[in-house]
Amino acid sequence: MKRVMAIYAALLLCSFVALSAGPASAAPSQKTQPKTPAVAPAKGLLKLAEPWPDVEVLRQRRADAEDRPLFQSADPLPFTLTANFNAVNKDRKEKSTKRFPATLLVTSEKGRSDPMAVTLGTRGHFRLRQTSCTFVPLRVEFGKQDATGTMFEGQHALKLVTHCRNANEYEQYVLREYLVYRIFNLLTPRSFRARLAKATYVDSASGKPLTTRYAMFLEDDDDVAHRMEGRVAELPNALFKDLDTETLTLMALFEYMIGSTDFSIIKLHNVRLVMDQRRTPLYPVPYDWDLAGLVDTSYALVDKQLGISTVRDRLYRGPCRSEADLDPVLEKFRARKGDIMALYDSLADLEPGYRRNAKKYLEEFYSLISRKDSVKKALVDGCTRAPGM
């Protein structure tokens, strides 16, 4: 952990220097020295440099995050989103700063509708490409006053996972990935919450509905961290030794369970790191599982360097642990088996054939962890002796 904290300190020092540097007293000639653009401190680093609030503030943040209205129910949330989707779907630039006005209309339990002004932005990497998705994944931003008293109270911005393409197959992918989030919620509170929704998208120019499809809202990164009484730590290059042992082991076994290899702690790919007041260790919180074997999307490809043929092939990429170290963590999976399997009966719109295949895929995992010889072969002897992933 000393290594990560050294990186952390160095990065903060760079940010401090960038902040402290005033205008040069005399600009050098462009003929003798090219002009160097000013370096702005990274937002994440400035956030890490903020002083920690007292214990009561941390506890209140945790309570506020836990009580967000959006995540108090598992019922699909029906809403209508109206915007110029022709313009929205043309914005395919990664980390685009373009924002589009929109109106979000949610039907409340009392049957009335509450329209609110929101702004939309595009996001993502793979699913942002035109060749991948014709309907982009979205970021929905809320005004504080507009969200007050609504299902979205306390929210500033949320990722909205959309149907990608206007076909039933892609709508099913949303349901499949949603259930993966629910599985991880059953195993640990150190996880992203997801709220399933039924979204009707309306073109603002014509006023005509485009489609109605399943979607899901993902919990804000900061709320995940606040529920852990911490903050998100944008610290790449973290190694296994820098992370909380139990949290890392649970995450690695979960990724193995669902057949996921599309993540990296070193590169902060599909993983958020959370730091609490102690600063050490860091807590990894994974997300984004549309390329996992359990979700089994038609576009999921495997990295050939990993030595597996398909995303359905499981590969343990976590730290090497002894059988004695693994067993108490595996016991968490065993204890939750009934609840995990029941999730696949909880969604009536889940395609029956997939429901059967998903249960079979999970049963294979449970069969493996029920036998000591299989655990030893796949997870102990088969682990890659690397310092990180």
Protein backbone atom coordinates (compact mmCIF):
# COMPACT_ATOMS: atom_id res chain seq x y z
CA MET A 1 0.00 0.00 0.00
CA LYS A 2 2.99 2.32 0.51
CA ARG A 3 3.43 2.25 -3.27
CA VAL A 4 -0.12 3.45 -3.96
CA MET A 5 0.13 6.14 -1.32
CA ALA A 6 3.42 7.30 -2.83
CA ILE A 7 1.68 7.60 -6.19
CA TYR A 8 -1.19 9.35 -4.47
CA ALA A 9 1.14 11.86 -2.80
CA ALA A 10 3.03 12.50 -6.02
CA LEU A 11 -0.13 13.10 -7.98
CA LEU A 12 -1.45 15.46 -5.35
CA LEU A 13 1.85 17.32 -5.42
CA CYS A 14 1.56 17.70 -9.19
CA SER A 15 -1.99 19.00 -8.76
CA PHE A 16 -0.81 21.46 -6.09
CA VAL A 17 1.96 22.73 -8.34
CA ALA A 18 -0.49 23.13 -11.23
CA LEU A 19 -2.86 25.04 -8.99
CA SER A 20 -0.15 27.20 -7.46
CA ALA A 21 1.65 28.12 -10.65
CA GLY A 22 0.86 31.66 -11.64
CA PRO A 23 1.35 33.28 -15.06
CA ALA A 24 4.92 33.33 -16.30
CA SER A 25 6.71 36.63 -15.81
CA ALA A 26 8.03 36.55 -19.35
CA ALA A 27 6.85 34.23 -22.10
CA PRO A 28 9.70 32.58 -24.03
CA SER A 29 9.95 33.14 -27.74
CA GLN A 30 7.98 30.57 -29.74
CA LYS A 31 10.99 30.32 -32.05
CA THR A 32 13.21 29.05 -29.24
CA GLN A 33 10.65 27.07 -27.19
CA PRO A 34 7.20 25.80 -28.14
CA LYS A 35 4.34 27.02 -26.01
CA THR A 36 3.31 24.44 -23.40
CA PRO A 37 -0.38 24.31 -22.57
CA ALA A 38 -1.33 24.77 -18.93
CA VAL A 39 -1.95 21.52 -17.06
CA ALA A 40 -5.17 21.46 -15.09
CA PRO A 41 -5.30 19.30 -11.98
CA ALA A 42 -7.44 16.21 -12.38
CA LYS A 43 -10.83 16.51 -10.78
CA GLY A 44 -10.42 13.13 -9.07
CA LEU A 45 -7.11 14.14 -7.52
CA LEU A 46 -8.54 17.38 -6.16
CA LYS A 47 -11.34 15.34 -4.64
CA LEU A 48 -8.86 13.05 -2.89
CA ALA A 49 -7.01 16.08 -1.56
CA GLU A 50 -10.10 17.40 0.19
CA PRO A 51 -9.99 17.15 4.01
CA TRP A 52 -12.11 14.42 5.52
CA PRO A 53 -15.30 15.49 7.30
CA ASP A 54 -15.97 14.41 10.87
CA VAL A 55 -17.53 11.08 11.76
CA GLU A 56 -21.08 12.40 12.08
CA VAL A 57 -20.97 13.90 8.59
CA LEU A 58 -19.71 10.61 7.16
CA ARG A 59 -22.51 8.74 8.91
CA GLN A 60 -25.12 11.18 7.61
CA ARG A 61 -23.77 10.85 4.07
CA ARG A 62 -24.03 7.10 4.43
CA ALA A 63 -27.63 7.29 5.65
CA ASP A 64 -28.59 9.71 2.86
CA ALA A 65 -27.04 7.47 0.20
CA GLU A 66 -28.67 4.33 1.60
CA ASP A 67 -32.09 6.01 1.65
CA ARG A 68 -32.20 7.31 -1.93
CA PRO A 69 -35.85 6.78 -3.02
CA LEU A 70 -34.86 5.35 -6.41
CA PHE A 71 -33.31 2.25 -4.88
CA GLN A 72 -35.93 1.45 -2.25
CA SER A 73 -37.92 -0.80 -4.59
CA ALA A 74 -37.14 -3.55 -7.08
CA ASP A 75 -40.29 -2.92 -9.11
CA PRO A 76 -39.60 -1.75 -12.68
CA LEU A 77 -39.92 2.04 -12.79
CA PRO A 78 -42.02 3.29 -15.73
CA PHE A 79 -40.95 6.60 -17.20
CA THR A 80 -41.09 8.62 -20.42
CA LEU A 81 -38.02 10.43 -21.70
CA THR A 82 -38.55 13.09 -24.35
CA ALA A 83 -35.61 14.57 -26.28
CA ASN A 84 -34.17 15.12 -29.73
CA PHE A 85 -32.84 11.57 -29.94
CA ASN A 86 -31.75 12.07 -33.53
CA ALA A 87 -29.18 14.57 -32.24
CA VAL A 88 -28.37 12.57 -29.10
CA ASN A 89 -27.58 9.39 -31.04
CA LYS A 90 -25.20 11.29 -33.32
CA ASP A 91 -22.94 12.25 -30.40
CA ARG A 92 -20.49 9.35 -30.43
CA LYS A 93 -17.43 11.10 -29.03
CA GLU A 94 -16.03 9.53 -25.85
CA LYS A 95 -16.23 11.85 -22.84
CA SER A 96 -18.29 14.30 -24.88
CA THR A 97 -19.28 17.49 -23.06
CA LYS A 98 -22.37 18.04 -25.22
CA ARG A 99 -25.64 18.12 -23.31
CA PHE A 100 -29.16 17.86 -24.65
CA PRO A 101 -32.34 19.18 -23.01
CA ALA A 102 -34.94 16.56 -22.17
CA THR A 103 -38.06 15.96 -20.10
CA LEU A 104 -38.45 12.99 -17.77
CA LEU A 105 -41.95 11.95 -16.82
CA VAL A 106 -42.44 9.36 -14.07
CA THR A 107 -45.78 7.81 -13.23
CA SER A 108 -46.07 7.79 -9.45
CA GLU A 109 -47.75 5.17 -7.29
CA LYS A 110 -50.75 7.49 -7.03
CA GLY A 111 -51.18 7.43 -10.77
CA ARG A 112 -50.19 11.03 -11.48
CA SER A 113 -47.22 12.10 -13.59
CA ASP A 114 -44.43 14.42 -12.49
CA PRO A 115 -42.53 15.96 -15.43
CA MET A 116 -39.09 17.32 -14.75
CA ALA A 117 -36.44 19.01 -16.86
CA VAL A 118 -33.23 17.00 -17.21
CA THR A 119 -30.22 17.03 -19.50
CA LEU A 120 -28.79 14.07 -21.37
CA GLY A 121 -25.24 13.18 -22.29
CA THR A 122 -23.82 10.18 -24.09
CA ARG A 123 -21.29 7.91 -22.39
CA GLY A 124 -19.47 4.62 -22.67
CA HIS A 125 -16.83 3.06 -24.88
CA PHE A 126 -17.81 -0.13 -26.73
CA ARG A 127 -21.54 0.60 -26.69
CA LEU A 128 -20.94 4.18 -27.78
CA ARG A 129 -19.70 3.05 -31.19
CA GLN A 130 -22.14 3.23 -34.10
CA THR A 131 -21.19 -0.32 -35.07
CA SER A 132 -22.14 -1.56 -31.60
CA CYS A 133 -25.33 0.30 -30.70
CA THR A 134 -27.81 2.38 -32.66
CA PHE A 135 -29.21 3.73 -29.38
CA VAL A 136 -26.50 5.14 -27.13
CA PRO A 137 -26.09 4.60 -23.38
CA LEU A 138 -27.05 7.78 -21.56
CA ARG A 139 -26.15 9.94 -18.60
CA VAL A 140 -29.16 11.69 -17.09
CA GLU A 141 -28.44 14.86 -15.13
CA PHE A 142 -30.94 16.35 -12.67
CA GLY A 143 -31.39 19.81 -11.25
CA LYS A 144 -31.53 19.76 -7.44
CA GLN A 145 -34.79 21.69 -7.21
CA ASP A 146 -36.41 19.71 -10.04
CA ALA A 147 -35.60 16.37 -8.36
CA THR A 148 -36.73 17.37 -4.86
CA GLY A 149 -39.80 15.42 -3.77
CA THR A 150 -39.49 12.95 -6.64
CA MET A 151 -38.15 9.43 -7.09
CA PHE A 152 -34.84 11.06 -8.03
CA GLU A 153 -34.41 13.19 -4.94
CA GLY A 154 -30.76 13.45 -3.96
CA GLN A 155 -29.53 12.50 -7.42
CA HIS A 156 -27.25 14.71 -9.49
CA ALA A 157 -26.44 12.43 -12.41
CA LEU A 158 -27.14 8.77 -13.15
CA LYS A 159 -26.00 6.33 -15.80
CA LEU A 160 -28.91 4.91 -17.79
CA VAL A 161 -28.23 1.54 -19.43
CA THR A 162 -30.35 1.44 -22.58
CA HIS A 163 -31.41 -1.29 -25.00
CA CYS A 164 -28.56 -0.59 -27.49
CA ARG A 165 -30.56 -1.75 -30.51
CA ASN A 166 -34.29 -1.80 -31.14
CA ALA A 167 -34.65 -5.56 -31.03
CA ASN A 168 -36.06 -7.90 -28.40
CA GLU A 169 -32.70 -9.63 -28.04
CA TYR A 170 -31.02 -6.43 -26.86
CA GLU A 171 -33.81 -5.64 -24.42
CA GLN A 172 -33.24 -9.07 -22.91
CA TYR A 173 -29.57 -8.18 -22.43
CA VAL A 174 -30.63 -5.36 -20.11
CA LEU A 175 -32.61 -7.80 -17.97
CA ARG A 176 -29.73 -10.26 -17.92
CA GLU A 177 -27.17 -7.69 -16.80
CA TYR A 178 -29.58 -6.24 -14.24
CA LEU A 179 -29.78 -9.64 -12.55
CA VAL A 180 -25.98 -9.77 -12.30
CA TYR A 181 -26.07 -6.52 -10.33
CA ARG A 182 -28.74 -8.03 -8.09
CA ILE A 183 -26.63 -11.14 -7.48
CA PHE A 184 -23.68 -9.07 -6.36
CA ASN A 185 -25.96 -7.01 -4.10
CA LEU A 186 -26.91 -10.26 -2.35
CA LEU A 187 -23.25 -11.07 -1.72
CA THR A 188 -22.05 -7.68 -0.48
CA PRO A 189 -23.29 -4.14 0.21
CA ARG A 190 -20.03 -2.92 -1.36
CA SER A 191 -21.68 -3.02 -4.76
CA PHE A 192 -23.51 -0.81 -7.23
CA ARG A 193 -27.28 -0.82 -6.89
CA ALA A 194 -29.40 -0.91 -10.04
CA ARG A 195 -33.05 0.02 -10.59
CA LEU A 196 -34.85 -1.67 -13.43
CA ALA A 197 -37.04 0.65 -15.47
CA LYS A 198 -39.46 0.54 -18.38
CA ALA A 199 -38.54 3.48 -20.59
CA THR A 200 -40.62 5.07 -23.31
CA TYR A 201 -38.50 7.27 -25.55
CA VAL A 202 -40.28 10.12 -27.35
CA ASP A 203 -38.91 12.27 -30.15
CA SER A 204 -39.26 15.92 -29.14
CA ALA A 205 -39.46 17.13 -32.75
CA SER A 206 -42.47 15.06 -33.77
CA GLY A 207 -43.89 14.20 -30.36
CA LYS A 208 -44.06 10.56 -31.46
CA PRO A 209 -42.90 7.63 -29.30
CA LEU A 210 -39.85 5.86 -30.69
CA THR A 211 -39.99 2.71 -28.60
CA THR A 212 -40.65 1.33 -25.12
CA ARG A 213 -37.89 -0.87 -23.73
CA TYR A 214 -36.39 -2.06 -20.47
CA ALA A 215 -33.55 0.07 -19.12
CA MET A 216 -31.79 0.44 -15.78
CA PHE A 217 -30.41 3.25 -13.68
CA LEU A 218 -27.06 2.62 -11.98
CA GLU A 219 -26.22 4.08 -8.60
CA ASP A 220 -23.97 7.12 -8.59
CA ASP A 221 -20.29 6.39 -7.88
CA ASP A 222 -20.20 8.83 -4.97
CA ASP A 223 -23.26 7.27 -3.35
CA VAL A 224 -21.59 3.85 -3.47
CA ALA A 225 -18.56 5.37 -1.75
CA HIS A 226 -20.69 7.26 0.77
CA ARG A 227 -22.47 4.03 1.77
CA MET A 228 -18.97 2.77 2.61
CA GLU A 229 -18.18 6.03 4.47
CA GLY A 230 -15.47 6.72 1.92
CA ARG A 231 -14.77 8.42 -1.38
CA VAL A 232 -13.89 7.25 -4.88
CA ALA A 233 -10.11 7.00 -5.36
CA GLU A 234 -8.92 7.54 -8.93
CA LEU A 235 -5.67 5.67 -8.34
CA PRO A 236 -4.56 3.52 -11.28
CA ASN A 237 -1.83 0.88 -11.01
CA ALA A 238 -3.06 -0.49 -7.67
CA LEU A 239 -1.95 -4.06 -7.00
CA PHE A 240 -3.55 -6.92 -5.08
CA LYS A 241 -1.54 -6.08 -1.96
CA ASP A 242 -3.03 -2.57 -1.92
CA LEU A 243 -6.61 -3.82 -1.66
CA ASP A 244 -8.78 -5.12 1.14
CA THR A 245 -8.21 -8.88 1.20
CA GLU A 246 -11.78 -10.11 1.69
CA THR A 247 -13.37 -7.57 -0.68
CA LEU A 248 -10.86 -8.39 -3.42
CA THR A 249 -11.28 -12.14 -3.00
CA LEU A 250 -15.08 -11.86 -3.10
CA MET A 251 -14.93 -9.73 -6.23
CA ALA A 252 -12.51 -12.10 -7.98
CA LEU A 253 -14.66 -15.14 -7.17
CA PHE A 254 -17.79 -13.31 -8.32
CA GLU A 255 -16.18 -12.40 -11.66
CA TYR A 256 -15.24 -16.07 -11.99
CA MET A 257 -18.76 -17.16 -11.12
CA ILE A 258 -20.35 -15.03 -13.86
CA GLY A 259 -17.62 -15.70 -16.43
CA SER A 260 -16.28 -12.15 -16.55
CA THR A 261 -12.76 -11.22 -17.62
CA ASP A 262 -13.47 -7.69 -18.88
CA PHE A 263 -12.02 -5.78 -15.93
CA SER A 264 -8.72 -4.44 -14.64
CA ILE A 265 -7.83 -2.93 -11.29
CA ILE A 266 -4.52 -1.65 -12.64
CA LYS A 267 -6.25 0.26 -15.45
CA LEU A 268 -9.40 1.05 -13.44
CA HIS A 269 -11.44 -0.68 -16.14
CA ASN A 270 -14.94 -1.58 -14.94
CA VAL A 271 -13.78 -1.24 -11.33
CA ARG A 272 -14.07 1.67 -8.92
CA LEU A 273 -11.72 1.93 -5.95
CA VAL A 274 -13.03 3.37 -2.70
CA MET A 275 -10.86 4.82 0.06
CA ASP A 276 -12.01 5.46 3.61
CA GLN A 277 -10.46 7.75 6.23
CA ARG A 278 -7.71 5.25 6.97
CA ARG A 279 -6.63 5.60 3.30
CA THR A 280 -5.52 1.98 3.36
CA PRO A 281 -6.55 -0.52 2.17
CA LEU A 282 -8.57 0.32 -0.96
CA TYR A 283 -11.90 -1.38 -1.67
CA PRO A 284 -12.61 -2.53 -5.25
CA VAL A 285 -16.22 -2.25 -6.49
CA PRO A 286 -16.84 -3.80 -9.93
CA TYR A 287 -19.55 -3.00 -12.50
CA ASP A 288 -20.48 -3.37 -16.20
CA TRP A 289 -21.07 -7.01 -17.07
CA ASP A 290 -22.60 -7.12 -20.54
CA LEU A 291 -19.55 -9.07 -21.78
CA ALA A 292 -19.79 -11.72 -19.04
CA GLY A 293 -20.53 -15.33 -19.88
CA LEU A 294 -23.63 -15.34 -17.67
CA VAL A 295 -25.10 -12.41 -19.64
CA ASP A 296 -24.03 -14.09 -22.90
CA THR A 297 -24.54 -11.26 -25.38
CA SER A 298 -24.07 -11.99 -29.07
CA TYR A 299 -21.37 -9.32 -29.34
CA ALA A 300 -19.25 -10.52 -26.42
CA LEU A 301 -15.72 -11.46 -27.46
CA VAL A 302 -12.90 -12.82 -25.37
CA ASP A 303 -9.34 -11.54 -25.25
CA LYS A 304 -7.31 -14.26 -26.97
CA GLN A 305 -4.35 -13.52 -24.70
CA LEU A 306 -6.30 -14.99 -21.79
CA GLY A 307 -6.20 -18.47 -23.29
CA ILE A 308 -9.95 -19.16 -23.29
CA SER A 309 -12.20 -19.78 -26.29
CA THR A 310 -15.46 -18.05 -25.37
CA VAL A 311 -16.82 -15.77 -22.67
CA ARG A 312 -18.64 -18.78 -21.27
CA ASP A 313 -15.29 -20.29 -20.28
CA ARG A 314 -14.51 -19.37 -16.69
CA LEU A 315 -11.08 -18.04 -15.80
CA TYR A 316 -10.01 -17.05 -12.29
CA ARG A 317 -8.00 -13.81 -12.49
CA GLY A 318 -7.83 -12.96 -8.83
CA PRO A 319 -5.02 -13.23 -6.29
CA CYS A 320 -3.67 -16.63 -5.35
CA ARG A 321 -5.25 -17.83 -2.12
CA SER A 322 -5.07 -21.07 -0.17
CA GLU A 323 -8.10 -23.34 0.17
CA ALA A 324 -8.39 -22.23 3.80
CA ASP A 325 -8.49 -18.57 2.72
CA LEU A 326 -11.03 -19.18 -0.04
CA ASP A 327 -13.46 -21.31 1.90
CA PRO A 328 -15.05 -18.64 4.16
CA VAL A 329 -15.59 -16.41 1.13
CA LEU A 330 -17.01 -19.29 -0.92
CA GLU A 331 -19.35 -19.96 1.98
CA LYS A 332 -20.99 -16.61 1.29
CA PHE A 333 -21.82 -17.86 -2.20
CA ARG A 334 -23.14 -21.17 -0.88
CA ALA A 335 -25.32 -19.45 1.70
CA ARG A 336 -26.94 -17.26 -0.97
CA LYS A 337 -27.51 -19.93 -3.63
CA GLY A 338 -31.26 -20.18 -3.09
CA ASP A 339 -31.73 -16.40 -3.23
CA ILE A 340 -29.55 -16.12 -6.33
CA MET A 341 -31.45 -18.80 -8.21
CA ALA A 342 -34.76 -17.23 -7.15
CA LEU A 343 -33.79 -14.00 -8.91
CA TYR A 344 -34.16 -15.77 -12.24
CA ASP A 345 -37.77 -16.59 -11.44
CA SER A 346 -38.53 -13.04 -10.31
CA LEU A 347 -38.62 -11.48 -13.78
CA ALA A 348 -41.62 -12.66 -15.77
CA ASP A 349 -40.32 -11.06 -18.99
CA LEU A 350 -37.01 -12.91 -18.90
CA GLU A 351 -36.88 -15.27 -21.88
CA PRO A 352 -37.54 -18.84 -20.60
CA GLY A 353 -34.73 -20.46 -22.59
CA TYR A 354 -32.19 -18.03 -21.19
CA ARG A 355 -33.56 -18.51 -17.67
CA ARG A 356 -32.84 -22.25 -17.92
CA ASN A 357 -29.38 -21.72 -19.40
CA ALA A 358 -28.45 -19.14 -16.77
CA LYS A 359 -29.44 -21.44 -13.94
CA LYS A 360 -27.47 -24.27 -15.52
CA TYR A 361 -24.40 -22.03 -15.86
CA LEU A 362 -24.66 -21.04 -12.19
CA GLU A 363 -25.20 -24.65 -11.13
CA GLU A 364 -21.88 -25.50 -12.78
CA PHE A 365 -20.18 -22.96 -10.54
CA TYR A 366 -21.91 -24.30 -7.44
CA SER A 367 -20.99 -27.84 -8.37
CA LEU A 368 -17.35 -26.80 -8.65
CA ILE A 369 -17.18 -25.02 -5.28
CA SER A 370 -18.88 -27.96 -3.57
CA ARG A 371 -15.84 -30.18 -4.20
CA LYS A 372 -12.45 -29.53 -2.62
CA ASP A 373 -10.55 -31.11 -5.51
CA SER A 374 -12.27 -28.81 -8.01
CA VAL A 375 -11.64 -25.73 -5.90
CA LYS A 376 -7.98 -26.65 -5.60
CA LYS A 377 -7.58 -27.31 -9.32
CA ALA A 378 -9.46 -24.25 -10.65
CA LEU A 379 -8.84 -21.60 -8.00
CA VAL A 380 -5.69 -22.58 -6.11
CA ASP A 381 -3.46 -24.46 -8.56
CA GLY A 382 -4.95 -22.64 -11.55
CA CYS A 383 -4.43 -19.09 -10.32
CA THR A 384 -1.99 -16.84 -12.14
CA ARG A 385 0.80 -15.74 -9.83
CA ALA A 386 0.71 -12.07 -10.75
CA PRO A 387 0.83 -8.99 -8.50
CA GLY A 388 -2.32 -7.53 -10.03
CA MET A 389 -4.78 -7.60 -12.90
